[in-house]
Amino acid sequence: MDKDTVGINNYNHSLSLLERKTLVITGVKKIENFDNLHFILETTMGFMVIKGEELELIKLDTLAGNVSIKGTINSVEYVMENNKKNKEESVLARLFK
């Protein structure tokens, strides 16, 4: 395990949502995919799917694991995967069914 991965794993995971317009997330390991309707993030607590309208990535701090998103936030969901081997395919398949 490299230093960067160890550093991010030590950060707490939290969400801060202000008036459904600004979402700040800590403990983000990786952004899997995003567009103006969906964000798929890998966090220290599992995969997270954010759905909304006119979503934009405002801030990305890869060293600290912080992400800021603005737009109309309609839902935030954690997706738990049993089979870690194909987790990326499973998350994407489940999202776009």
N, C-alpha and C. Protein backbone atom coordinates (compact mmCIF):
# COMPACT_ATOMS: atom_id res chain seq x y z
N MET A 1 0.86 -1.18 0.00
CA MET A 1 0.00 0.00 0.00
C MET A 1 0.90 1.24 0.00
N ASP A 2 0.62 2.19 -0.88
CA ASP A 2 1.47 3.37 -0.95
C ASP A 2 1.03 4.46 0.03
N LYS A 3 1.86 5.49 0.17
CA LYS A 3 1.61 6.55 1.14
C LYS A 3 0.30 7.29 0.89
N ASP A 4 -0.02 7.56 -0.38
CA ASP A 4 -1.24 8.30 -0.70
C ASP A 4 -2.49 7.56 -0.25
N THR A 5 -2.54 6.24 -0.50
CA THR A 5 -3.69 5.45 -0.09
C THR A 5 -3.82 5.41 1.42
N VAL A 6 -2.71 5.24 2.11
CA VAL A 6 -2.73 5.21 3.57
C VAL A 6 -3.23 6.54 4.12
N GLY A 7 -2.80 7.66 3.54
CA GLY A 7 -3.21 8.99 4.01
C GLY A 7 -4.70 9.20 3.88
N ILE A 8 -5.28 8.84 2.74
CA ILE A 8 -6.71 9.03 2.54
C ILE A 8 -7.52 8.13 3.46
N ASN A 9 -7.07 6.89 3.67
CA ASN A 9 -7.81 5.97 4.54
C ASN A 9 -7.88 6.46 5.98
N ASN A 10 -6.96 7.31 6.38
CA ASN A 10 -6.95 7.82 7.74
C ASN A 10 -7.95 8.96 7.94
N TYR A 11 -8.47 9.54 6.86
CA TYR A 11 -9.41 10.64 6.99
C TYR A 11 -10.81 10.12 7.30
N ASN A 12 -11.52 10.86 8.11
CA ASN A 12 -12.90 10.53 8.40
C ASN A 12 -13.75 10.84 7.19
N HIS A 13 -14.86 10.15 7.10
CA HIS A 13 -15.79 10.38 6.00
C HIS A 13 -16.96 11.19 6.53
N SER A 14 -17.28 12.27 5.83
CA SER A 14 -18.42 13.09 6.24
C SER A 14 -19.07 13.74 5.03
N LEU A 15 -20.32 14.14 5.22
CA LEU A 15 -21.09 14.86 4.21
C LEU A 15 -21.61 16.14 4.82
N SER A 16 -21.59 17.19 4.02
CA SER A 16 -22.19 18.45 4.45
C SER A 16 -23.02 18.96 3.27
N LEU A 17 -24.33 19.05 3.47
CA LEU A 17 -25.24 19.48 2.41
C LEU A 17 -25.90 20.78 2.83
N LEU A 18 -25.73 21.81 2.00
CA LEU A 18 -26.28 23.13 2.30
C LEU A 18 -27.39 23.44 1.31
N GLU A 19 -28.61 23.49 1.78
CA GLU A 19 -29.80 23.86 1.00
C GLU A 19 -29.94 23.09 -0.30
N ARG A 20 -29.52 21.81 -0.30
CA ARG A 20 -29.59 20.94 -1.47
C ARG A 20 -28.87 21.49 -2.69
N LYS A 21 -27.99 22.47 -2.49
CA LYS A 21 -27.29 23.11 -3.60
C LYS A 21 -25.78 22.86 -3.57
N THR A 22 -25.20 22.70 -2.40
CA THR A 22 -23.76 22.50 -2.27
C THR A 22 -23.50 21.30 -1.38
N LEU A 23 -22.74 20.34 -1.90
CA LEU A 23 -22.40 19.13 -1.16
C LEU A 23 -20.89 19.05 -1.02
N VAL A 24 -20.41 18.94 0.22
CA VAL A 24 -18.99 18.79 0.50
C VAL A 24 -18.80 17.41 1.13
N ILE A 25 -17.90 16.63 0.55
CA ILE A 25 -17.68 15.26 1.01
C ILE A 25 -16.21 15.10 1.35
N THR A 26 -15.93 14.49 2.50
CA THR A 26 -14.55 14.16 2.87
C THR A 26 -14.40 12.64 2.87
N GLY A 27 -13.17 12.18 2.80
CA GLY A 27 -12.89 10.75 2.79
C GLY A 27 -13.11 10.13 1.42
N VAL A 28 -12.95 10.91 0.36
CA VAL A 28 -13.12 10.40 -1.00
C VAL A 28 -11.80 9.82 -1.49
N LYS A 29 -11.85 8.57 -1.92
CA LYS A 29 -10.67 7.92 -2.47
C LYS A 29 -10.53 8.19 -3.96
N LYS A 30 -11.67 8.17 -4.67
CA LYS A 30 -11.60 8.24 -6.12
C LYS A 30 -12.96 8.63 -6.69
N ILE A 31 -12.96 9.42 -7.76
CA ILE A 31 -14.18 9.70 -8.50
C ILE A 31 -14.20 8.72 -9.67
N GLU A 32 -15.17 7.82 -9.64
CA GLU A 32 -15.28 6.80 -10.68
C GLU A 32 -15.81 7.37 -11.99
N ASN A 33 -16.87 8.18 -11.87
CA ASN A 33 -17.54 8.70 -13.06
C ASN A 33 -18.42 9.86 -12.63
N PHE A 34 -18.61 10.82 -13.54
CA PHE A 34 -19.55 11.89 -13.23
C PHE A 34 -20.01 12.59 -14.50
N ASP A 35 -21.20 13.15 -14.42
CA ASP A 35 -21.74 14.02 -15.45
C ASP A 35 -22.68 15.00 -14.75
N ASN A 36 -23.51 15.70 -15.48
CA ASN A 36 -24.35 16.72 -14.84
C ASN A 36 -25.55 16.13 -14.11
N LEU A 37 -25.76 14.80 -14.18
CA LEU A 37 -26.88 14.15 -13.49
C LEU A 37 -26.45 13.17 -12.40
N HIS A 38 -25.22 12.62 -12.48
CA HIS A 38 -24.77 11.58 -11.55
C HIS A 38 -23.30 11.78 -11.19
N PHE A 39 -22.96 11.43 -9.97
CA PHE A 39 -21.56 11.30 -9.55
C PHE A 39 -21.44 9.94 -8.89
N ILE A 40 -20.39 9.21 -9.22
CA ILE A 40 -20.09 7.94 -8.55
C ILE A 40 -18.72 8.10 -7.92
N LEU A 41 -18.69 8.01 -6.59
CA LEU A 41 -17.46 8.22 -5.83
C LEU A 41 -17.13 6.97 -5.03
N GLU A 42 -15.84 6.69 -4.89
CA GLU A 42 -15.41 5.67 -3.95
C GLU A 42 -14.91 6.40 -2.71
N THR A 43 -15.54 6.13 -1.58
CA THR A 43 -15.17 6.78 -0.33
C THR A 43 -14.57 5.75 0.63
N THR A 44 -14.10 6.21 1.75
CA THR A 44 -13.56 5.31 2.76
C THR A 44 -14.65 4.43 3.36
N MET A 45 -15.91 4.76 3.14
CA MET A 45 -17.04 3.99 3.66
C MET A 45 -17.78 3.23 2.56
N GLY A 46 -17.24 3.16 1.37
CA GLY A 46 -17.86 2.43 0.27
C GLY A 46 -18.21 3.36 -0.88
N PHE A 47 -18.85 2.78 -1.89
CA PHE A 47 -19.24 3.57 -3.06
C PHE A 47 -20.44 4.44 -2.74
N MET A 48 -20.45 5.64 -3.31
CA MET A 48 -21.53 6.59 -3.11
C MET A 48 -22.01 7.06 -4.47
N VAL A 49 -23.34 7.10 -4.64
CA VAL A 49 -23.94 7.60 -5.86
C VAL A 49 -24.74 8.86 -5.51
N ILE A 50 -24.44 9.94 -6.21
CA ILE A 50 -25.13 11.21 -6.01
C ILE A 50 -25.90 11.50 -7.28
N LYS A 51 -27.19 11.76 -7.13
CA LYS A 51 -28.03 12.07 -8.29
C LYS A 51 -28.59 13.47 -8.12
N GLY A 52 -28.74 14.17 -9.23
CA GLY A 52 -29.27 15.52 -9.17
C GLY A 52 -29.40 16.13 -10.54
N GLU A 53 -29.43 17.44 -10.58
CA GLU A 53 -29.56 18.19 -11.82
C GLU A 53 -28.51 19.28 -11.85
N GLU A 54 -27.93 19.50 -13.03
CA GLU A 54 -26.91 20.53 -13.23
C GLU A 54 -25.76 20.41 -12.23
N LEU A 55 -25.33 19.18 -11.98
CA LEU A 55 -24.24 18.94 -11.04
C LEU A 55 -22.90 19.33 -11.65
N GLU A 56 -22.08 19.98 -10.84
CA GLU A 56 -20.75 20.41 -11.27
C GLU A 56 -19.74 20.11 -10.18
N LEU A 57 -18.56 19.68 -10.58
CA LEU A 57 -17.45 19.48 -9.66
C LEU A 57 -16.82 20.83 -9.41
N ILE A 58 -16.88 21.30 -8.18
CA ILE A 58 -16.35 22.62 -7.82
C ILE A 58 -14.92 22.52 -7.30
N LYS A 59 -14.67 21.56 -6.43
CA LYS A 59 -13.35 21.44 -5.82
C LYS A 59 -13.00 19.96 -5.68
N LEU A 60 -11.76 19.64 -6.02
CA LEU A 60 -11.25 18.29 -5.86
C LEU A 60 -9.87 18.39 -5.22
N ASP A 61 -9.74 17.88 -4.01
CA ASP A 61 -8.46 17.84 -3.32
C ASP A 61 -8.09 16.37 -3.13
N THR A 62 -7.29 15.84 -4.04
CA THR A 62 -6.97 14.42 -4.02
C THR A 62 -6.08 14.03 -2.84
N LEU A 63 -5.26 14.92 -2.37
CA LEU A 63 -4.39 14.60 -1.24
C LEU A 63 -5.17 14.45 0.06
N ALA A 64 -6.14 15.33 0.27
CA ALA A 64 -6.94 15.28 1.50
C ALA A 64 -8.20 14.44 1.33
N GLY A 65 -8.58 14.13 0.09
CA GLY A 65 -9.77 13.33 -0.14
C GLY A 65 -11.05 14.13 -0.03
N ASN A 66 -11.03 15.42 -0.40
CA ASN A 66 -12.20 16.29 -0.30
C ASN A 66 -12.76 16.61 -1.68
N VAL A 67 -14.10 16.61 -1.79
CA VAL A 67 -14.78 16.92 -3.03
C VAL A 67 -15.93 17.87 -2.72
N SER A 68 -16.11 18.90 -3.56
CA SER A 68 -17.26 19.81 -3.46
C SER A 68 -18.03 19.75 -4.76
N ILE A 69 -19.35 19.61 -4.64
CA ILE A 69 -20.23 19.51 -5.80
C ILE A 69 -21.34 20.54 -5.63
N LYS A 70 -21.68 21.23 -6.73
CA LYS A 70 -22.82 22.14 -6.67
C LYS A 70 -23.84 21.74 -7.72
N GLY A 71 -25.08 22.13 -7.49
CA GLY A 71 -26.20 21.79 -8.35
C GLY A 71 -27.39 21.47 -7.47
N THR A 72 -28.44 20.92 -8.04
CA THR A 72 -29.59 20.49 -7.25
C THR A 72 -29.38 19.03 -6.89
N ILE A 73 -29.20 18.75 -5.60
CA ILE A 73 -28.95 17.38 -5.12
C ILE A 73 -30.29 16.73 -4.85
N ASN A 74 -30.57 15.61 -5.55
CA ASN A 74 -31.83 14.90 -5.35
C ASN A 74 -31.67 13.68 -4.45
N SER A 75 -30.51 13.02 -4.50
CA SER A 75 -30.31 11.86 -3.63
C SER A 75 -28.83 11.56 -3.45
N VAL A 76 -28.54 10.96 -2.31
CA VAL A 76 -27.20 10.46 -1.99
C VAL A 76 -27.41 9.03 -1.49
N GLU A 77 -26.73 8.09 -2.12
CA GLU A 77 -26.94 6.68 -1.79
C GLU A 77 -25.60 5.97 -1.69
N TYR A 78 -25.48 5.11 -0.67
CA TYR A 78 -24.32 4.24 -0.56
C TYR A 78 -24.66 2.92 -1.20
N VAL A 79 -23.73 2.40 -2.01
CA VAL A 79 -23.95 1.14 -2.70
C VAL A 79 -22.97 0.14 -2.12
N MET A 80 -23.49 -0.91 -1.52
CA MET A 80 -22.65 -1.94 -0.93
C MET A 80 -22.49 -3.07 -1.94
N GLU A 81 -21.27 -3.54 -2.12
CA GLU A 81 -20.97 -4.60 -3.07
C GLU A 81 -20.42 -5.81 -2.32
N ASN A 82 -20.95 -6.97 -2.61
CA ASN A 82 -20.44 -8.21 -2.03
C ASN A 82 -19.26 -8.75 -2.81
N ASN A 83 -19.30 -8.63 -4.13
CA ASN A 83 -18.24 -9.14 -4.99
C ASN A 83 -17.31 -8.00 -5.37
N LYS A 84 -16.18 -7.89 -4.72
CA LYS A 84 -15.26 -6.79 -4.95
C LYS A 84 -14.54 -6.91 -6.29
N LYS A 85 -14.49 -8.08 -6.87
CA LYS A 85 -13.79 -8.28 -8.13
C LYS A 85 -14.38 -7.45 -9.25
N ASN A 86 -15.70 -7.38 -9.34
CA ASN A 86 -16.37 -6.66 -10.41
C ASN A 86 -17.16 -5.47 -9.87
N LYS A 87 -16.67 -4.83 -8.85
CA LYS A 87 -17.44 -3.77 -8.19
C LYS A 87 -17.71 -2.58 -9.09
N GLU A 88 -16.74 -2.18 -9.92
CA GLU A 88 -16.97 -1.02 -10.80
C GLU A 88 -18.08 -1.31 -11.79
N GLU A 89 -18.04 -2.48 -12.43
CA GLU A 89 -19.08 -2.84 -13.38
C GLU A 89 -20.43 -2.94 -12.69
N SER A 90 -20.47 -3.51 -11.51
CA SER A 90 -21.73 -3.68 -10.79
C SER A 90 -22.34 -2.34 -10.41
N VAL A 91 -21.53 -1.41 -9.92
CA VAL A 91 -22.03 -0.10 -9.53
C VAL A 91 -22.59 0.63 -10.74
N LEU A 92 -21.85 0.61 -11.84
CA LEU A 92 -22.32 1.29 -13.05
C LEU A 92 -23.56 0.62 -13.62
N ALA A 93 -23.58 -0.69 -13.63
CA ALA A 93 -24.75 -1.41 -14.15
C ALA A 93 -25.98 -1.11 -13.31
N ARG A 94 -25.81 -1.09 -12.00
CA ARG A 94 -26.95 -0.83 -11.10
C ARG A 94 -27.45 0.61 -11.27
N LEU A 95 -26.54 1.54 -11.46
CA LEU A 95 -26.92 2.95 -11.60
C LEU A 95 -27.70 3.21 -12.87
N PHE A 96 -27.26 2.61 -13.97
CA PHE A 96 -27.85 2.94 -15.27
C PHE A 96 -28.86 1.91 -15.76
N LYS A 97 -29.44 1.12 -14.87
CA LYS A 97 -30.49 0.15 -15.23
C LYS A 97 -31.69 0.84 -15.78
